[in-house]
Amino acid sequence: MKKRIMPQEITDVLSRKERDQIVADQKNFEAQTSCQLRVSVQVSSTTLANFLATKSLRVYQAAVRKFEELGMVNTKKRNGILIFISVNERKVVVLADTGIFPDILNAETLENIANDIGAGIDKQIAYIAIRDAITKLTRLVAVAFPHEASDTNELVDDIDMA
């Protein structure tokens, strides 16, 4: 039986080189669409305030807070997308703002993308799974939200890590 290694640190999930490539993928996503994309990798989503909630609810609540903290609710077209990864809880949440959800990206699609990333983390191929998710998101939103010459980059292009 293969022993499953539990990542304890963000660097156990993504190397510096992998993080740089994911940021390049974010920039490519934004070059092909008018949407804003952020990736957030957190060591843990558990706080004193949500300790008694289920693991899934804790991670979802943390993702919503992070969506707001990163200013994703303030984009002009309300078309921000967040890929939120909670390392210790081994959970992924993908959120889309009101300009995209539910007409372009519905709950089932977002959950499937999150599950694919989670499976990649379990197989220790998080990097590939995140890149595949960004590619899939690009295909799904580019038709409804193509890049326009007047588009500005409203959010920082990096991976939020805590």
Protein backbone atom coordinates (compact mmCIF):
# COMPACT_ATOMS: atom_id res chain seq x y z
CA MET A 1 0.00 0.00 0.00
CA LYS A 2 1.41 3.35 -1.07
CA LYS A 3 1.75 5.81 1.81
CA ARG A 4 -0.02 9.10 1.14
CA ILE A 5 2.11 12.11 1.98
CA MET A 6 0.18 14.95 3.58
CA PRO A 7 1.52 18.33 2.52
CA GLN A 8 2.20 20.56 5.51
CA GLU A 9 3.41 23.66 3.72
CA ILE A 10 2.46 25.43 0.55
CA THR A 11 5.88 24.63 -0.88
CA ASP A 12 5.00 20.94 -0.46
CA VAL A 13 2.20 21.52 -2.99
CA LEU A 14 3.83 23.88 -5.51
CA SER A 15 7.47 24.67 -6.18
CA ARG A 16 8.60 28.21 -7.01
CA LYS A 17 8.93 27.27 -10.70
CA GLU A 18 5.42 25.77 -10.72
CA ARG A 19 3.97 28.86 -9.04
CA ASP A 20 5.63 31.06 -11.67
CA GLN A 21 4.12 28.97 -14.46
CA ILE A 22 0.65 29.16 -12.89
CA VAL A 23 0.98 32.96 -12.73
CA ALA A 24 1.89 32.90 -16.43
CA ASP A 25 -1.25 30.82 -17.04
CA GLN A 26 -3.31 33.40 -15.11
CA LYS A 27 -1.93 36.14 -17.35
CA ASN A 28 -2.74 34.07 -20.44
CA PHE A 29 -6.29 33.51 -19.14
CA GLU A 30 -6.72 37.27 -18.73
CA ALA A 31 -5.20 37.91 -22.19
CA GLN A 32 -7.84 35.66 -23.76
CA THR A 33 -10.82 36.76 -21.65
CA SER A 34 -12.11 39.91 -20.00
CA CYS A 35 -12.34 38.00 -16.70
CA GLN A 36 -10.07 38.21 -13.68
CA LEU A 37 -8.57 35.02 -12.21
CA ARG A 38 -6.85 34.49 -8.87
CA VAL A 39 -5.43 31.38 -7.25
CA SER A 40 -5.21 31.24 -3.47
CA VAL A 41 -3.35 28.49 -1.61
CA GLN A 42 -3.86 28.46 2.16
CA VAL A 43 -2.21 26.18 4.70
CA SER A 44 -5.46 25.94 6.68
CA SER A 45 -9.00 27.30 6.56
CA THR A 46 -9.75 26.62 10.20
CA THR A 47 -10.23 29.61 12.49
CA LEU A 48 -11.51 29.84 16.02
CA ALA A 49 -14.78 31.23 14.68
CA ASN A 50 -15.46 28.28 12.35
CA PHE A 51 -13.81 25.42 14.25
CA LEU A 52 -17.08 23.55 14.84
CA ALA A 53 -18.28 23.77 11.22
CA THR A 54 -17.79 20.84 8.87
CA LYS A 55 -14.55 20.78 6.92
CA SER A 56 -16.34 21.53 3.64
CA LEU A 57 -18.22 24.46 5.15
CA ARG A 58 -15.04 25.87 6.76
CA VAL A 59 -13.21 25.82 3.45
CA TYR A 60 -16.16 27.31 1.56
CA GLN A 61 -16.49 30.12 4.13
CA ALA A 62 -12.76 30.79 3.93
CA ALA A 63 -12.97 30.91 0.12
CA VAL A 64 -15.81 33.44 0.24
CA ARG A 65 -13.81 35.59 2.69
CA LYS A 66 -10.74 35.36 0.47
CA PHE A 67 -12.82 36.28 -2.60
CA GLU A 68 -13.87 39.46 -0.81
CA GLU A 69 -10.39 40.18 0.67
CA LEU A 70 -8.77 39.96 -2.75
CA GLY A 71 -11.22 42.54 -4.10
CA MET A 72 -12.75 40.13 -6.56
CA VAL A 73 -16.22 41.48 -5.81
CA ASN A 74 -15.06 44.91 -7.02
CA THR A 75 -14.29 44.04 -10.64
CA LYS A 76 -16.13 46.23 -13.12
CA LYS A 77 -17.95 43.37 -14.86
CA ARG A 78 -18.26 41.18 -11.73
CA ASN A 79 -16.49 38.42 -13.61
CA GLY A 80 -13.81 37.30 -11.19
CA ILE A 81 -12.96 33.64 -10.62
CA LEU A 82 -11.13 32.29 -7.58
CA ILE A 83 -9.44 28.90 -7.30
CA PHE A 84 -9.10 28.40 -3.53
CA ILE A 85 -6.99 25.54 -2.18
CA SER A 86 -6.88 24.66 1.52
CA VAL A 87 -3.84 22.43 1.98
CA ASN A 88 -4.44 20.93 5.45
CA GLU A 89 -8.14 20.33 4.81
CA ARG A 90 -7.32 18.91 1.37
CA LYS A 91 -10.26 20.80 -0.13
CA VAL A 92 -10.64 23.02 -3.18
CA VAL A 93 -13.37 25.57 -3.91
CA VAL A 94 -13.82 27.42 -7.19
CA LEU A 95 -15.94 30.56 -6.96
CA ALA A 96 -17.24 32.80 -9.74
CA ASP A 97 -18.74 36.26 -9.33
CA THR A 98 -22.28 37.22 -10.32
CA GLY A 99 -21.32 38.25 -13.86
CA ILE A 100 -20.37 34.64 -14.61
CA PHE A 101 -22.34 32.54 -12.13
CA PRO A 102 -24.67 30.76 -12.83
CA ASP A 103 -25.19 31.63 -16.53
CA ILE A 104 -21.67 30.90 -17.83
CA LEU A 105 -20.26 28.74 -15.04
CA ASN A 106 -22.81 26.85 -12.97
CA ALA A 107 -22.37 25.16 -9.59
CA GLU A 108 -21.83 21.72 -11.12
CA THR A 109 -19.10 22.97 -13.46
CA LEU A 110 -17.30 24.79 -10.66
CA GLU A 111 -17.55 21.75 -8.39
CA ASN A 112 -16.19 19.46 -11.13
CA ILE A 113 -13.21 21.75 -11.66
CA ALA A 114 -12.59 21.86 -7.90
CA ASN A 115 -12.83 18.05 -7.70
CA ASP A 116 -10.34 17.67 -10.57
CA ILE A 117 -7.84 19.91 -8.75
CA GLY A 118 -8.45 17.99 -5.50
CA ALA A 119 -7.78 14.71 -7.28
CA GLY A 120 -4.57 16.18 -8.66
CA ILE A 121 -3.47 17.18 -5.18
CA ASP A 122 -4.22 13.65 -3.92
CA LYS A 123 -2.09 12.21 -6.76
CA GLN A 124 0.64 14.76 -5.99
CA ILE A 125 0.18 16.48 -9.35
CA ALA A 126 -1.40 19.69 -8.06
CA TYR A 127 0.57 21.76 -10.54
CA ILE A 128 -0.81 19.91 -13.55
CA ALA A 129 -4.34 19.90 -12.15
CA ILE A 130 -4.32 23.67 -11.52
CA ARG A 131 -2.95 24.38 -14.99
CA ASP A 132 -5.59 22.09 -16.54
CA ALA A 133 -8.30 23.90 -14.57
CA ILE A 134 -7.12 27.30 -15.82
CA THR A 135 -7.13 25.99 -19.40
CA LYS A 136 -10.65 24.63 -18.93
CA LEU A 137 -11.86 27.90 -17.39
CA THR A 138 -10.34 29.82 -20.30
CA ARG A 139 -12.27 27.70 -22.82
CA LEU A 140 -15.51 28.02 -20.85
CA VAL A 141 -15.53 31.81 -20.41
CA ALA A 142 -13.67 33.09 -23.49
CA VAL A 143 -16.75 32.93 -25.73
CA ALA A 144 -18.99 34.89 -23.34
CA PHE A 145 -16.21 37.18 -22.08
CA PRO A 146 -13.65 37.64 -24.87
CA HIS A 147 -10.72 39.94 -24.22
CA GLU A 148 -11.41 43.49 -25.34
CA ALA A 149 -8.88 46.18 -26.16
CA SER A 150 -10.32 48.37 -23.39
CA ASP A 151 -9.84 45.68 -20.71
CA THR A 152 -7.62 46.60 -17.82
CA ASN A 153 -5.99 44.25 -15.36
CA GLU A 154 -8.04 44.93 -12.23
CA LEU A 155 -6.36 42.44 -9.89
CA VAL A 156 -2.80 41.45 -9.07
CA ASP A 157 -1.43 38.57 -11.12
CA ASP A 158 0.06 36.30 -8.50
CA ILE A 159 -0.79 33.37 -6.29
CA ASP A 160 -2.15 34.45 -2.91
CA MET A 161 -0.40 32.29 -0.34
CA ALA A 162 -0.89 32.17 3.41
